[in-house]
Amino acid sequence: MKRLLSCKFNMDTACVELKFADGSMIAIDTIAVENEVADNMYQRSELDYLIYNDPTAYADLVLNGDPEAYLKAITEYKPLDS
């Protein structure tokens, strides 16, 4: 891909949008990603934090990383009944 010009969260579409110097654009549907990879509210919260505070890191994680492995490593969920 060409040089990245901008990466931001669009609240109207609920997408993280990446715009490149060659005019191409990628829109990541954040709701679909959360539904696919997040198992609990803690993982959803971590994804939300990235979306709002570091959309570039979020886009890199979704496009180039392993979001499921990242969420399992970064969040610790212990049910109350254990």
N, C-alpha and C. Protein backbone atom coordinates (compact mmCIF):
# COMPACT_ATOMS: atom_id res chain seq x y z
N MET A 1 0.83 -1.18 0.00
CA MET A 1 0.00 0.00 0.00
C MET A 1 0.87 1.25 0.00
N LYS A 2 0.28 2.30 -0.36
CA LYS A 2 0.98 3.58 -0.40
C LYS A 2 1.05 4.20 0.99
N ARG A 3 1.60 5.36 1.05
CA ARG A 3 1.78 6.07 2.31
C ARG A 3 0.43 6.44 2.94
N LEU A 4 0.34 6.20 4.25
CA LEU A 4 -0.88 6.50 5.00
C LEU A 4 -0.97 8.00 5.27
N LEU A 5 -2.09 8.61 4.88
CA LEU A 5 -2.30 10.04 5.11
C LEU A 5 -3.05 10.30 6.40
N SER A 6 -4.08 9.51 6.66
CA SER A 6 -4.86 9.73 7.88
C SER A 6 -5.50 8.43 8.34
N CYS A 7 -5.75 8.39 9.63
CA CYS A 7 -6.45 7.26 10.24
C CYS A 7 -7.27 7.83 11.38
N LYS A 8 -8.59 7.67 11.29
CA LYS A 8 -9.45 8.21 12.33
C LYS A 8 -10.72 7.38 12.45
N PHE A 9 -11.38 7.52 13.60
CA PHE A 9 -12.64 6.85 13.84
C PHE A 9 -13.77 7.76 13.40
N ASN A 10 -14.65 7.23 12.57
CA ASN A 10 -15.81 7.97 12.09
C ASN A 10 -17.03 7.50 12.89
N MET A 11 -17.53 8.37 13.77
CA MET A 11 -18.66 8.00 14.63
C MET A 11 -19.95 7.76 13.84
N ASP A 12 -20.09 8.40 12.70
CA ASP A 12 -21.31 8.26 11.90
C ASP A 12 -21.44 6.86 11.31
N THR A 13 -20.31 6.25 10.94
CA THR A 13 -20.33 4.93 10.32
C THR A 13 -19.83 3.82 11.24
N ALA A 14 -19.29 4.18 12.40
CA ALA A 14 -18.68 3.24 13.36
C ALA A 14 -17.53 2.49 12.71
N CYS A 15 -16.77 3.20 11.88
CA CYS A 15 -15.64 2.60 11.18
C CYS A 15 -14.36 3.37 11.47
N VAL A 16 -13.25 2.65 11.53
CA VAL A 16 -11.94 3.29 11.53
C VAL A 16 -11.55 3.40 10.06
N GLU A 17 -11.31 4.63 9.62
CA GLU A 17 -11.04 4.89 8.21
C GLU A 17 -9.59 5.26 8.00
N LEU A 18 -8.95 4.56 7.06
CA LEU A 18 -7.58 4.83 6.68
C LEU A 18 -7.57 5.39 5.27
N LYS A 19 -6.90 6.52 5.07
CA LYS A 19 -6.80 7.12 3.74
C LYS A 19 -5.33 7.15 3.34
N PHE A 20 -5.07 6.73 2.09
CA PHE A 20 -3.71 6.61 1.59
C PHE A 20 -3.42 7.65 0.51
N ALA A 21 -2.15 7.88 0.26
CA ALA A 21 -1.71 8.91 -0.68
C ALA A 21 -2.19 8.62 -2.10
N ASP A 22 -2.38 7.36 -2.45
CA ASP A 22 -2.82 7.03 -3.81
C ASP A 22 -4.34 7.19 -4.00
N GLY A 23 -5.03 7.66 -2.96
CA GLY A 23 -6.47 7.88 -3.04
C GLY A 23 -7.31 6.72 -2.54
N SER A 24 -6.67 5.61 -2.24
CA SER A 24 -7.44 4.46 -1.74
C SER A 24 -7.81 4.67 -0.28
N MET A 25 -8.82 3.93 0.15
CA MET A 25 -9.32 4.05 1.51
C MET A 25 -9.76 2.68 2.01
N ILE A 26 -9.52 2.44 3.29
CA ILE A 26 -9.99 1.22 3.95
C ILE A 26 -10.86 1.66 5.11
N ALA A 27 -12.02 1.05 5.24
CA ALA A 27 -12.91 1.31 6.37
C ALA A 27 -13.10 0.01 7.13
N ILE A 28 -12.72 0.00 8.40
CA ILE A 28 -12.84 -1.19 9.24
C ILE A 28 -14.10 -1.04 10.09
N ASP A 29 -15.04 -1.94 9.90
CA ASP A 29 -16.29 -1.93 10.66
C ASP A 29 -16.00 -2.42 12.08
N THR A 30 -15.95 -1.51 13.03
CA THR A 30 -15.55 -1.84 14.39
C THR A 30 -16.57 -2.74 15.10
N ILE A 31 -17.83 -2.58 14.78
CA ILE A 31 -18.86 -3.42 15.40
C ILE A 31 -18.70 -4.87 14.95
N ALA A 32 -18.44 -5.07 13.68
CA ALA A 32 -18.25 -6.43 13.17
C ALA A 32 -17.01 -7.07 13.78
N VAL A 33 -15.94 -6.30 13.94
CA VAL A 33 -14.72 -6.83 14.54
C VAL A 33 -15.00 -7.24 15.99
N GLU A 34 -15.66 -6.36 16.75
CA GLU A 34 -15.97 -6.70 18.14
C GLU A 34 -16.84 -7.94 18.24
N ASN A 35 -17.82 -8.06 17.39
CA ASN A 35 -18.70 -9.22 17.42
C ASN A 35 -17.94 -10.51 17.10
N GLU A 36 -16.92 -10.39 16.27
CA GLU A 36 -16.17 -11.57 15.85
C GLU A 36 -15.11 -12.01 16.86
N VAL A 37 -14.40 -11.05 17.46
CA VAL A 37 -13.23 -11.43 18.27
C VAL A 37 -13.38 -11.24 19.77
N ALA A 38 -14.29 -10.40 20.24
CA ALA A 38 -14.41 -10.12 21.68
C ALA A 38 -15.40 -11.07 22.33
N ASP A 39 -14.94 -11.73 23.40
CA ASP A 39 -15.78 -12.70 24.09
C ASP A 39 -16.51 -12.12 25.30
N ASN A 40 -16.03 -11.00 25.83
CA ASN A 40 -16.63 -10.44 27.04
C ASN A 40 -16.49 -8.92 27.04
N MET A 41 -17.08 -8.29 28.04
CA MET A 41 -17.09 -6.82 28.07
C MET A 41 -15.69 -6.24 28.28
N TYR A 42 -14.78 -6.99 28.88
CA TYR A 42 -13.43 -6.48 29.10
C TYR A 42 -12.67 -6.39 27.78
N GLN A 43 -12.85 -7.38 26.95
CA GLN A 43 -12.20 -7.35 25.64
C GLN A 43 -12.81 -6.27 24.75
N ARG A 44 -14.12 -6.11 24.81
CA ARG A 44 -14.77 -5.04 24.05
C ARG A 44 -14.29 -3.67 24.52
N SER A 45 -14.11 -3.53 25.82
CA SER A 45 -13.62 -2.28 26.38
C SER A 45 -12.20 -1.98 25.89
N GLU A 46 -11.37 -2.98 25.81
CA GLU A 46 -10.00 -2.78 25.31
C GLU A 46 -10.01 -2.34 23.85
N LEU A 47 -10.86 -2.97 23.05
CA LEU A 47 -10.97 -2.56 21.64
C LEU A 47 -11.50 -1.13 21.54
N ASP A 48 -12.49 -0.80 22.35
CA ASP A 48 -13.03 0.56 22.35
C ASP A 48 -11.97 1.58 22.71
N TYR A 49 -11.14 1.24 23.70
CA TYR A 49 -10.06 2.15 24.09
C TYR A 49 -9.14 2.43 22.90
N LEU A 50 -8.76 1.38 22.18
CA LEU A 50 -7.89 1.57 21.02
C LEU A 50 -8.58 2.39 19.93
N ILE A 51 -9.85 2.11 19.70
CA ILE A 51 -10.59 2.82 18.65
C ILE A 51 -10.58 4.32 18.91
N TYR A 52 -10.87 4.73 20.14
CA TYR A 52 -10.98 6.14 20.46
C TYR A 52 -9.64 6.83 20.71
N ASN A 53 -8.67 6.10 21.25
CA ASN A 53 -7.42 6.74 21.65
C ASN A 53 -6.25 6.49 20.72
N ASP A 54 -6.27 5.39 19.97
CA ASP A 54 -5.18 5.09 19.06
C ASP A 54 -5.70 4.30 17.87
N PRO A 55 -6.48 4.95 16.99
CA PRO A 55 -7.07 4.22 15.87
C PRO A 55 -6.04 3.60 14.93
N THR A 56 -4.84 4.19 14.86
CA THR A 56 -3.79 3.61 14.01
C THR A 56 -3.35 2.26 14.56
N ALA A 57 -3.17 2.16 15.86
CA ALA A 57 -2.80 0.88 16.48
C ALA A 57 -3.93 -0.14 16.31
N TYR A 58 -5.18 0.31 16.42
CA TYR A 58 -6.32 -0.57 16.21
C TYR A 58 -6.32 -1.13 14.80
N ALA A 59 -6.13 -0.25 13.82
CA ALA A 59 -6.11 -0.68 12.42
C ALA A 59 -4.96 -1.66 12.17
N ASP A 60 -3.80 -1.37 12.74
CA ASP A 60 -2.65 -2.26 12.58
C ASP A 60 -2.95 -3.62 13.19
N LEU A 61 -3.57 -3.64 14.36
CA LEU A 61 -3.92 -4.89 15.02
C LEU A 61 -4.89 -5.71 14.18
N VAL A 62 -5.90 -5.08 13.64
CA VAL A 62 -6.92 -5.78 12.87
C VAL A 62 -6.37 -6.25 11.53
N LEU A 63 -5.60 -5.40 10.86
CA LEU A 63 -5.13 -5.73 9.52
C LEU A 63 -3.88 -6.62 9.51
N ASN A 64 -2.99 -6.44 10.48
CA ASN A 64 -1.71 -7.14 10.45
C ASN A 64 -1.46 -8.06 11.63
N GLY A 65 -2.25 -7.92 12.68
CA GLY A 65 -1.99 -8.69 13.89
C GLY A 65 -2.99 -9.80 14.10
N ASP A 66 -3.00 -10.28 15.32
CA ASP A 66 -3.93 -11.33 15.72
C ASP A 66 -4.75 -10.77 16.88
N PRO A 67 -5.90 -10.14 16.60
CA PRO A 67 -6.67 -9.50 17.66
C PRO A 67 -7.09 -10.46 18.77
N GLU A 68 -7.41 -11.70 18.44
CA GLU A 68 -7.84 -12.64 19.47
C GLU A 68 -6.70 -12.94 20.45
N ALA A 69 -5.50 -13.15 19.94
CA ALA A 69 -4.35 -13.41 20.81
C ALA A 69 -4.03 -12.18 21.66
N TYR A 70 -4.11 -11.00 21.04
CA TYR A 70 -3.86 -9.76 21.76
C TYR A 70 -4.85 -9.60 22.92
N LEU A 71 -6.12 -9.82 22.66
CA LEU A 71 -7.14 -9.66 23.69
C LEU A 71 -6.99 -10.68 24.82
N LYS A 72 -6.62 -11.88 24.48
CA LYS A 72 -6.42 -12.89 25.52
C LYS A 72 -5.22 -12.53 26.40
N ALA A 73 -4.20 -11.92 25.80
CA ALA A 73 -3.00 -11.56 26.55
C ALA A 73 -3.20 -10.30 27.38
N ILE A 74 -3.97 -9.35 26.88
CA ILE A 74 -4.08 -8.03 27.54
C ILE A 74 -5.20 -7.98 28.57
N THR A 75 -6.22 -8.78 28.42
CA THR A 75 -7.35 -8.75 29.36
C THR A 75 -7.36 -10.01 30.21
N GLU A 76 -7.70 -9.83 31.45
CA GLU A 76 -7.81 -10.95 32.36
C GLU A 76 -9.23 -10.97 32.89
N TYR A 77 -9.94 -12.00 32.58
CA TYR A 77 -11.35 -12.11 32.96
C TYR A 77 -11.51 -13.31 33.88
N LYS A 78 -12.00 -13.06 35.07
CA LYS A 78 -12.27 -14.14 36.01
C LYS A 78 -13.74 -14.07 36.41
N PRO A 79 -14.51 -15.08 36.09
CA PRO A 79 -15.92 -15.07 36.47
C PRO A 79 -16.08 -15.02 37.98
N LEU A 80 -17.17 -14.45 38.45
CA LEU A 80 -17.42 -14.32 39.88
C LEU A 80 -17.66 -15.66 40.57
N ASP A 81 -18.14 -16.64 39.85
CA ASP A 81 -18.47 -17.92 40.46
C ASP A 81 -17.28 -18.87 40.59
N SER A 82 -16.07 -18.43 40.31
CA SER A 82 -14.93 -19.33 40.44
C SER A 82 -14.13 -19.08 41.68
